[in-house]
C-alpha atoms as a PDB file:
ATOM      1  CA  MET A   1     -98.182 -68.325 -84.399  1.00  0.00           C
ATOM      2  CA  PRO A   2    -100.995 -69.208 -81.926  1.00  0.00           C
ATOM      3  CA  SER A   3    -100.780 -72.878 -82.883  1.00  0.00           C
ATOM      4  CA  GLU A   4     -96.994 -73.283 -83.147  1.00  0.00           C
ATOM      5  CA  VAL A   5     -95.040 -75.807 -81.099  1.00  0.00           C
ATOM      6  CA  VAL A   6     -92.187 -73.625 -79.874  1.00  0.00           C
ATOM      7  CA  LEU A   7     -90.359 -76.116 -77.634  1.00  0.00           C
ATOM      8  CA  GLY A   8     -87.893 -77.129 -80.360  1.00  0.00           C
ATOM      9  CA  LYS A   9     -86.771 -73.511 -80.742  1.00  0.00           C
ATOM     10  CA  VAL A  10     -86.487 -73.174 -76.961  1.00  0.00           C
ATOM     11  CA  TYR A  11     -84.307 -76.307 -76.726  1.00  0.00           C
ATOM     12  CA  VAL A  12     -81.999 -75.039 -79.479  1.00  0.00           C
ATOM     13  CA  ALA A  13     -81.668 -71.579 -77.880  1.00  0.00           C
ATOM     14  CA  LEU A  14     -80.963 -72.985 -74.421  1.00  0.00           C
ATOM     15  CA  LYS A  15     -78.397 -75.504 -75.645  1.00  0.00           C
ATOM     16  CA  ALA A  16     -76.584 -72.776 -77.617  1.00  0.00           C
ATOM     17  CA  LEU A  17     -76.535 -70.465 -74.589  1.00  0.00           C
ATOM     18  CA  LEU A  18     -75.267 -73.214 -72.263  1.00  0.00           C
ATOM     19  CA  ALA A  19     -72.619 -74.377 -74.760  1.00  0.00           C
ATOM     20  CA  ALA A  20     -71.281 -70.808 -75.060  1.00  0.00           C
ATOM     21  CA  THR A  21     -70.646 -70.491 -71.313  1.00  0.00           C
ATOM     22  CA  ALA A  22     -67.014 -71.362 -70.533  1.00  0.00           C
ATOM     23  CA  PRO A  23     -67.331 -71.837 -66.731  1.00  0.00           C
ATOM     24  CA  LEU A  24     -70.104 -74.386 -67.347  1.00  0.00           C
ATOM     25  CA  THR A  25     -68.512 -76.230 -70.257  1.00  0.00           C
ATOM     26  CA  ALA A  26     -65.267 -76.580 -68.279  1.00  0.00           C
ATOM     27  CA  LEU A  27     -67.203 -78.861 -65.899  1.00  0.00           C
ATOM     28  CA  LEU A  28     -68.693 -81.057 -68.654  1.00  0.00           C
ATOM     29  CA  ALA A  29     -67.283 -83.898 -70.717  1.00  0.00           C
ATOM     30  CA  VAL A  30     -66.676 -83.407 -74.429  1.00  0.00           C
ATOM     31  CA  LYS A  31     -68.711 -85.150 -77.137  1.00  0.00           C
ATOM     32  CA  THR A  32     -66.750 -87.861 -78.933  1.00  0.00           C
ATOM     33  CA  LEU A  33     -67.828 -86.575 -82.341  1.00  0.00           C
ATOM     34  CA  GLY A  34     -67.094 -82.919 -82.976  1.00  0.00           C
ATOM     35  CA  GLY A  35     -65.524 -82.021 -79.630  1.00  0.00           C
ATOM     36  CA  ALA A  36     -68.462 -79.879 -78.486  1.00  0.00           C
ATOM     37  CA  PRO A  37     -69.528 -79.720 -74.831  1.00  0.00           C
ATOM     38  CA  ALA A  38     -71.590 -82.754 -73.786  1.00  0.00           C
ATOM     39  CA  ILE A  39     -75.079 -81.214 -73.980  1.00  0.00           C
ATOM     40  CA  TYR A  40     -77.786 -83.442 -75.432  1.00  0.00           C
ATOM     41  CA  ASP A  41     -81.521 -83.585 -76.098  1.00  0.00           C
ATOM     42  CA  GLU A  42     -83.509 -85.822 -73.763  1.00  0.00           C
ATOM     43  CA  GLY A  43     -83.419 -89.386 -75.078  1.00  0.00           C
ATOM     44  CA  SER A  44     -80.560 -88.806 -77.521  1.00  0.00           C
ATOM     45  CA  VAL A  45     -77.453 -89.379 -75.403  1.00  0.00           C
ATOM     46  CA  PRO A  46     -75.276 -91.863 -77.308  1.00  0.00           C
ATOM     47  CA  GLN A  47     -74.572 -95.058 -75.426  1.00  0.00           C
ATOM     48  CA  GLY A  48     -71.213 -94.931 -73.677  1.00  0.00           C
ATOM     49  CA  SER A  49     -71.030 -91.112 -73.661  1.00  0.00           C
ATOM     50  CA  ALA A  50     -68.501 -89.591 -71.304  1.00  0.00           C
ATOM     51  CA  MET A  51     -69.874 -88.040 -68.114  1.00  0.00           C
ATOM     52  CA  PRO A  52     -70.751 -85.586 -66.774  1.00  0.00           C
ATOM     53  CA  TYR A  53     -73.143 -84.200 -69.354  1.00  0.00           C
ATOM     54  CA  LEU A  54     -76.310 -82.104 -69.561  1.00  0.00           C
ATOM     55  CA  VAL A  55     -79.643 -83.191 -70.983  1.00  0.00           C
ATOM     56  CA  VAL A  56     -82.310 -80.704 -72.129  1.00  0.00           C
ATOM     57  CA  GLY A  57     -85.900 -81.749 -72.753  1.00  0.00           C
ATOM     58  CA  ALA A  58     -89.094 -83.054 -71.165  1.00  0.00           C
ATOM     59  CA  GLY A  59     -90.902 -79.808 -71.951  1.00  0.00           C
ATOM     60  CA  THR A  60     -94.419 -78.489 -71.556  1.00  0.00           C
ATOM     61  CA  GLN A  61     -96.032 -75.602 -73.398  1.00  0.00           C
ATOM     62  CA  ILE A  62     -99.217 -73.706 -72.611  1.00  0.00           C
ATOM     63  CA  PRO A  63    -100.644 -70.587 -74.278  1.00  0.00           C
ATOM     64  CA  TRP A  64     -99.757 -67.232 -72.792  1.00  0.00           C
ATOM     65  CA  HIS A  65    -101.876 -64.791 -74.768  1.00  0.00           C
ATOM     66  CA  THR A  66    -102.905 -61.227 -74.082  1.00  0.00           C
ATOM     67  CA  MET A  67    -106.122 -59.718 -75.250  1.00  0.00           C
ATOM     68  CA  GLY A  68    -106.062 -56.535 -77.226  1.00  0.00           C
ATOM     69  CA  VAL A  69    -107.946 -54.411 -79.672  1.00  0.00           C
ATOM     70  CA  GLU A  70    -108.302 -55.906 -83.152  1.00  0.00           C
ATOM     71  CA  GLY A  71    -104.795 -56.303 -84.569  1.00  0.00           C
ATOM     72  CA  THR A  72    -102.962 -55.732 -81.278  1.00  0.00           C
ATOM     73  CA  ALA A  73    -103.464 -59.092 -79.545  1.00  0.00           C
ATOM     74  CA  ARG A  74    -100.163 -60.766 -78.679  1.00  0.00           C
ATOM     75  CA  TYR A  75     -99.503 -64.473 -78.673  1.00  0.00           C
ATOM     76  CA  GLY A  76     -96.968 -66.362 -76.691  1.00  0.00           C
ATOM     77  CA  TRP A  77     -96.068 -69.445 -74.745  1.00  0.00           C
ATOM     78  CA  ASN A  78     -95.319 -70.311 -71.147  1.00  0.00           C
ATOM     79  CA  CYS A  79     -92.950 -73.279 -71.332  1.00  0.00           C
ATOM     80  CA  THR A  80     -91.276 -75.425 -68.726  1.00  0.00           C
ATOM     81  CA  LEU A  81     -88.492 -77.839 -69.464  1.00  0.00           C
ATOM     82  CA  GLN A  82     -86.043 -79.973 -67.624  1.00  0.00           C
ATOM     83  CA  ILE A  83     -82.296 -79.511 -67.651  1.00  0.00           C
ATOM     84  CA  LYS A  84     -80.343 -82.141 -65.790  1.00  0.00           C
ATOM     85  CA  ALA A  85     -76.722 -82.915 -65.162  1.00  0.00           C
ATOM     86  CA  VAL A  86     -75.853 -86.611 -65.269  1.00  0.00           C
ATOM     87  CA  GLY A  87     -72.648 -88.013 -63.833  1.00  0.00           C
ATOM     88  CA  GLN A  88     -70.917 -90.480 -61.621  1.00  0.00           C
ATOM     89  CA  GLY A  89     -69.145 -87.920 -59.472  1.00  0.00           C
ATOM     90  CA  THR A  90     -69.952 -86.591 -56.038  1.00  0.00           C
ATOM     91  CA  GLU A  91     -73.054 -84.701 -55.005  1.00  0.00           C
ATOM     92  CA  ALA A  92     -70.916 -81.561 -54.821  1.00  0.00           C
ATOM     93  CA  SER A  93     -69.642 -81.975 -58.397  1.00  0.00           C
ATOM     94  CA  GLY A  94     -73.171 -82.265 -59.798  1.00  0.00           C
ATOM     95  CA  LEU A  95     -74.409 -79.326 -57.768  1.00  0.00           C
ATOM     96  CA  ALA A  96     -71.465 -77.265 -59.046  1.00  0.00           C
ATOM     97  CA  ILE A  97     -72.631 -77.950 -62.617  1.00  0.00           C
ATOM     98  CA  MET A  98     -76.215 -77.020 -61.767  1.00  0.00           C
ATOM     99  CA  SER A  99     -74.996 -73.838 -60.029  1.00  0.00           C
ATOM    100  CA  GLN A 100     -73.402 -72.791 -63.314  1.00  0.00           C
ATOM    101  CA  VAL A 101     -76.616 -73.618 -65.205  1.00  0.00           C
ATOM    102  CA  ALA A 102     -78.590 -71.511 -62.695  1.00  0.00           C
ATOM    103  CA  ALA A 103     -76.155 -68.614 -63.152  1.00  0.00           C
ATOM    104  CA  VAL A 104     -76.566 -68.765 -66.946  1.00  0.00           C
ATOM    105  CA  LEU A 105     -80.363 -68.887 -66.696  1.00  0.00           C
ATOM    106  CA  SER A 106     -80.876 -66.221 -64.060  1.00  0.00           C
ATOM    107  CA  ASP A 107     -84.362 -64.695 -63.911  1.00  0.00           C
ATOM    108  CA  GLY A 108     -84.929 -62.475 -66.897  1.00  0.00           C
ATOM    109  CA  ARG A 109     -82.103 -63.968 -69.016  1.00  0.00           C
ATOM    110  CA  GLU A 110     -82.997 -63.176 -72.607  1.00  0.00           C
ATOM    111  CA  LEU A 111     -83.083 -65.913 -75.213  1.00  0.00           C
ATOM    112  CA  SER A 112     -82.988 -65.495 -78.967  1.00  0.00           C
ATOM    113  CA  LEU A 113     -85.860 -67.309 -80.701  1.00  0.00           C
ATOM    114  CA  ALA A 114     -86.643 -66.716 -84.366  1.00  0.00           C
ATOM    115  CA  GLY A 115     -90.109 -65.219 -84.830  1.00  0.00           C
ATOM    116  CA  TYR A 116     -90.442 -63.964 -81.255  1.00  0.00           C
ATOM    117  CA  GLY A 117     -89.951 -60.396 -80.126  1.00  0.00           C
ATOM    118  CA  SER A 118     -89.084 -61.386 -76.588  1.00  0.00           C
ATOM    119  CA  SER A 119     -88.116 -64.641 -74.918  1.00  0.00           C
ATOM    120  CA  TRP A 120     -86.580 -65.129 -71.510  1.00  0.00           C
ATOM    121  CA  ALA A 121     -85.900 -67.590 -68.701  1.00  0.00           C
ATOM    122  CA  GLU A 122     -87.972 -66.788 -65.638  1.00  0.00           C
ATOM    123  CA  GLU A 123     -87.484 -69.486 -62.988  1.00  0.00           C
ATOM    124  CA  PHE A 124     -84.923 -72.146 -62.123  1.00  0.00           C
ATOM    125  CA  MET A 125     -86.189 -74.804 -59.703  1.00  0.00           C
ATOM    126  CA  LEU A 126     -83.697 -77.461 -58.614  1.00  0.00           C
ATOM    127  CA  GLN A 127     -85.256 -80.868 -57.941  1.00  0.00           C
ATOM    128  CA  PRO A 128     -84.089 -83.741 -55.698  1.00  0.00           C
ATOM    129  CA  THR A 129     -81.089 -85.744 -56.887  1.00  0.00           C
ATOM    130  CA  ILE A 130     -81.936 -89.085 -58.507  1.00  0.00           C
ATOM    131  CA  ILE A 131     -79.479 -91.850 -57.599  1.00  0.00           C
ATOM    132  CA  THR A 132     -79.324 -95.169 -59.432  1.00  0.00           C
ATOM    133  CA  MET A 133     -76.924 -98.070 -59.064  1.00  0.00           C
ATOM    134  CA  LEU A 134     -76.125-100.618 -61.759  1.00  0.00           C
ATOM    135  CA  ALA A 135     -73.359-103.212 -61.418  1.00  0.00           C
ATOM    136  CA  ALA A 136     -72.026-101.402 -58.326  1.00  0.00           C
ATOM    137  CA  VAL A 137     -71.683 -98.117 -60.259  1.00  0.00           C
ATOM    138  CA  THR A 138     -73.578 -95.135 -58.870  1.00  0.00           C
ATOM    139  CA  THR A 139     -74.982 -92.599 -61.324  1.00  0.00           C
ATOM    140  CA  ARG A 140     -76.572 -89.349 -60.192  1.00  0.00           C
ATOM    141  CA  GLU A 141     -78.972 -87.035 -62.019  1.00  0.00           C
ATOM    142  CA  TRP A 142     -79.429 -83.451 -60.831  1.00  0.00           C
ATOM    143  CA  PRO A 143     -82.620 -82.169 -62.517  1.00  0.00           C
ATOM    144  CA  ALA A 144     -83.971 -78.640 -62.578  1.00  0.00           C
ATOM    145  CA  ILE A 145     -87.147 -77.219 -64.073  1.00  0.00           C
ATOM    146  CA  VAL A 146     -86.719 -73.993 -66.048  1.00  0.00           C
ATOM    147  CA  ARG A 147     -89.601 -71.737 -67.103  1.00  0.00           C
ATOM    148  CA  VAL A 148     -89.283 -69.857 -70.390  1.00  0.00           C
ATOM    149  CA  PHE A 149     -91.689 -67.255 -71.759  1.00  0.00           C
ATOM    150  CA  CYS A 150     -91.907 -66.450 -75.489  1.00  0.00           C
ATOM    151  CA  HIS A 151     -93.952 -63.582 -76.910  1.00  0.00           C
ATOM    152  CA  ASP A 152     -94.423 -62.485 -80.492  1.00  0.00           C
ATOM    153  CA  THR A 153     -93.488 -59.026 -81.708  1.00  0.00           C
ATOM    154  CA  PRO A 154     -96.189 -56.433 -80.909  1.00  0.00           C
END
Protein backbone atom coordinates (compact mmCIF):
# COMPACT_ATOMS: atom_id res chain seq x y z
CA MET A 1 0.00 0.00 0.00
CA PRO A 2 2.79 2.59 0.57
CA SER A 3 3.31 2.95 -3.18
CA GLU A 4 -0.32 2.90 -4.37
CA VAL A 5 -1.88 5.71 -6.37
CA VAL A 6 -5.15 6.15 -4.49
CA LEU A 7 -6.61 9.13 -6.37
CA GLY A 8 -8.70 6.95 -8.70
CA LYS A 9 -10.44 5.36 -5.72
CA VAL A 10 -10.99 8.80 -4.18
CA TYR A 11 -12.56 10.13 -7.40
CA VAL A 12 -14.91 7.13 -7.61
CA ALA A 13 -15.96 7.45 -3.94
CA LEU A 14 -16.58 11.19 -4.20
CA LYS A 15 -18.57 10.94 -7.42
CA ALA A 16 -20.74 8.17 -5.93
CA LEU A 17 -21.38 10.22 -2.78
CA LEU A 18 -22.25 13.37 -4.76
CA ALA A 19 -24.50 11.46 -7.19
CA ALA A 20 -26.45 9.97 -4.26
CA THR A 21 -27.33 13.38 -2.82
CA ALA A 22 -30.78 14.46 -4.05
CA PRO A 23 -30.59 18.19 -3.14
CA LEU A 24 -27.36 18.45 -5.16
CA THR A 25 -28.43 16.38 -8.15
CA ALA A 26 -31.65 18.39 -8.43
CA LEU A 27 -29.46 21.39 -9.35
CA LEU A 28 -27.45 19.54 -12.02
CA ALA A 29 -28.20 18.59 -15.61
CA VAL A 30 -28.69 14.95 -16.53
CA LYS A 31 -26.22 12.98 -18.67
CA THR A 32 -27.55 12.25 -22.15
CA LEU A 33 -26.54 8.59 -21.92
CA GLY A 34 -27.90 6.75 -18.90
CA GLY A 35 -29.79 9.60 -17.24
CA ALA A 36 -27.36 9.90 -14.32
CA PRO A 37 -26.54 13.27 -12.73
CA ALA A 38 -24.02 15.26 -14.77
CA ILE A 39 -20.87 14.51 -12.75
CA TYR A 40 -17.72 13.88 -14.78
CA ASP A 41 -13.99 13.25 -14.42
CA GLU A 42 -11.76 16.19 -15.31
CA GLY A 43 -11.12 16.18 -19.05
CA SER A 44 -13.90 13.72 -19.90
CA VAL A 45 -16.96 15.95 -20.30
CA PRO A 46 -18.53 15.04 -23.65
CA GLN A 47 -18.74 17.91 -26.09
CA GLY A 48 -22.15 19.56 -26.02
CA SER A 49 -23.04 18.26 -22.53
CA ALA A 50 -25.92 19.98 -20.81
CA MET A 51 -25.03 22.43 -18.04
CA PRO A 52 -24.70 22.83 -15.16
CA TYR A 53 -22.47 19.90 -14.30
CA LEU A 54 -19.73 18.95 -11.83
CA VAL A 55 -16.18 17.94 -12.68
CA VAL A 56 -13.96 15.98 -10.27
CA GLY A 57 -10.21 15.71 -10.76
CA ALA A 58 -6.92 17.61 -10.81
CA GLY A 59 -5.70 15.73 -7.74
CA THR A 60 -2.52 15.60 -5.72
CA GLN A 61 -1.36 12.86 -3.38
CA ILE A 62 1.37 12.91 -0.75
CA PRO A 63 2.29 10.25 1.83
CA TRP A 64 0.72 10.50 5.25
CA HIS A 65 2.46 7.78 7.23
CA THR A 66 2.77 7.19 10.94
CA MET A 67 5.72 5.53 12.55
CA GLY A 68 5.18 2.58 14.80
CA VAL A 69 6.77 -0.47 16.29
CA GLU A 70 7.58 -3.23 13.80
CA GLY A 71 4.29 -4.37 12.28
CA THR A 72 2.21 -1.46 13.57
CA ALA A 73 3.22 1.32 11.16
CA ARG A 74 0.24 2.75 9.28
CA TYR A 75 0.28 4.04 5.74
CA GLY A 76 -1.97 6.58 4.19
CA TRP A 77 -2.39 9.48 1.84
CA ASN A 78 -3.16 13.16 2.12
CA CYS A 79 -4.93 14.04 -1.13
CA THR A 80 -6.32 17.25 -2.54
CA LEU A 81 -8.57 17.42 -5.54
CA GLN A 82 -10.68 19.91 -7.35
CA ILE A 83 -14.44 19.77 -7.65
CA LYS A 84 -15.97 22.45 -9.82
CA ALA A 85 -19.42 23.35 -11.01
CA VAL A 86 -19.58 24.53 -14.61
CA GLY A 87 -22.55 26.40 -16.03
CA GLN A 88 -23.91 29.35 -17.88
CA GLY A 89 -26.24 30.51 -15.14
CA THR A 90 -25.88 33.27 -12.59
CA GLU A 91 -23.24 33.55 -9.91
CA ALA A 92 -25.92 32.67 -7.36
CA SER A 93 -26.90 29.47 -9.20
CA GLY A 94 -23.31 28.21 -9.27
CA LEU A 95 -22.75 29.09 -5.63
CA ALA A 96 -25.94 27.22 -4.73
CA ILE A 97 -24.48 24.09 -6.35
CA MET A 98 -21.18 24.52 -4.52
CA SER A 99 -23.06 25.08 -1.24
CA GLN A 100 -24.64 21.65 -1.69
CA VAL A 101 -21.23 20.12 -2.48
CA ALA A 102 -19.81 21.73 0.69
CA ALA A 103 -22.71 20.33 2.74
CA VAL A 104 -22.08 16.82 1.39
CA LEU A 105 -18.34 17.04 2.09
CA SER A 106 -18.47 18.60 5.53
CA ASP A 107 -15.34 18.17 7.66
CA GLY A 108 -15.03 14.59 8.80
CA ARG A 109 -17.41 13.15 6.16
CA GLU A 110 -16.49 9.50 5.84
CA LEU A 111 -15.76 7.99 2.45
CA SER A 112 -15.73 4.32 1.54
CA LEU A 113 -12.48 3.28 -0.17
CA ALA A 114 -11.62 -0.37 -0.72
CA GLY A 115 -8.47 -1.37 1.17
CA TYR A 116 -8.57 1.55 3.60
CA GLY A 117 -9.77 1.39 7.18
CA SER A 118 -10.63 5.07 7.30
CA SER A 119 -11.07 7.77 4.69
CA TRP A 120 -12.67 11.15 5.10
CA ALA A 121 -13.04 14.65 3.66
CA GLU A 122 -11.32 17.22 5.83
CA GLU A 123 -11.44 20.64 4.15
CA PHE A 124 -13.51 22.40 1.51
CA MET A 125 -11.91 25.57 0.13
CA LEU A 126 -13.93 27.54 -2.43
CA GLN A 127 -11.81 29.32 -5.04
CA PRO A 128 -12.54 32.43 -7.15
CA THR A 129 -15.06 32.04 -9.97
CA ILE A 130 -13.52 31.65 -13.43
CA ILE A 131 -15.47 33.49 -16.14
CA THR A 132 -14.92 32.91 -19.85
CA MET A 133 -16.76 34.28 -22.86
CA LEU A 134 -16.93 32.64 -26.27
CA ALA A 135 -19.18 33.89 -29.07
CA ALA A 136 -20.99 36.18 -26.61
CA VAL A 137 -21.83 33.24 -24.31
CA THR A 138 -20.59 33.50 -20.73
CA THR A 139 -19.55 30.31 -18.96
CA ARG A 140 -18.65 30.23 -15.27
CA GLU A 141 -16.62 27.69 -13.31
CA TRP A 142 -16.89 27.57 -9.51
CA PRO A 143 -13.91 25.50 -8.29
CA ALA A 144 -13.23 24.22 -4.81
CA ILE A 145 -10.29 22.28 -3.40
CA VAL A 146 -11.20 19.33 -1.18
CA ARG A 147 -8.73 17.52 1.09
CA VAL A 148 -9.21 13.79 1.64
CA PHE A 149 -7.25 11.58 4.04
CA CYS A 150 -6.98 7.80 3.55
CA HIS A 151 -5.43 5.46 6.10
CA ASP A 152 -4.97 1.71 5.99
CA THR A 153 -6.46 -0.61 8.58
CA PRO A 154 -4.33 -0.78 11.75
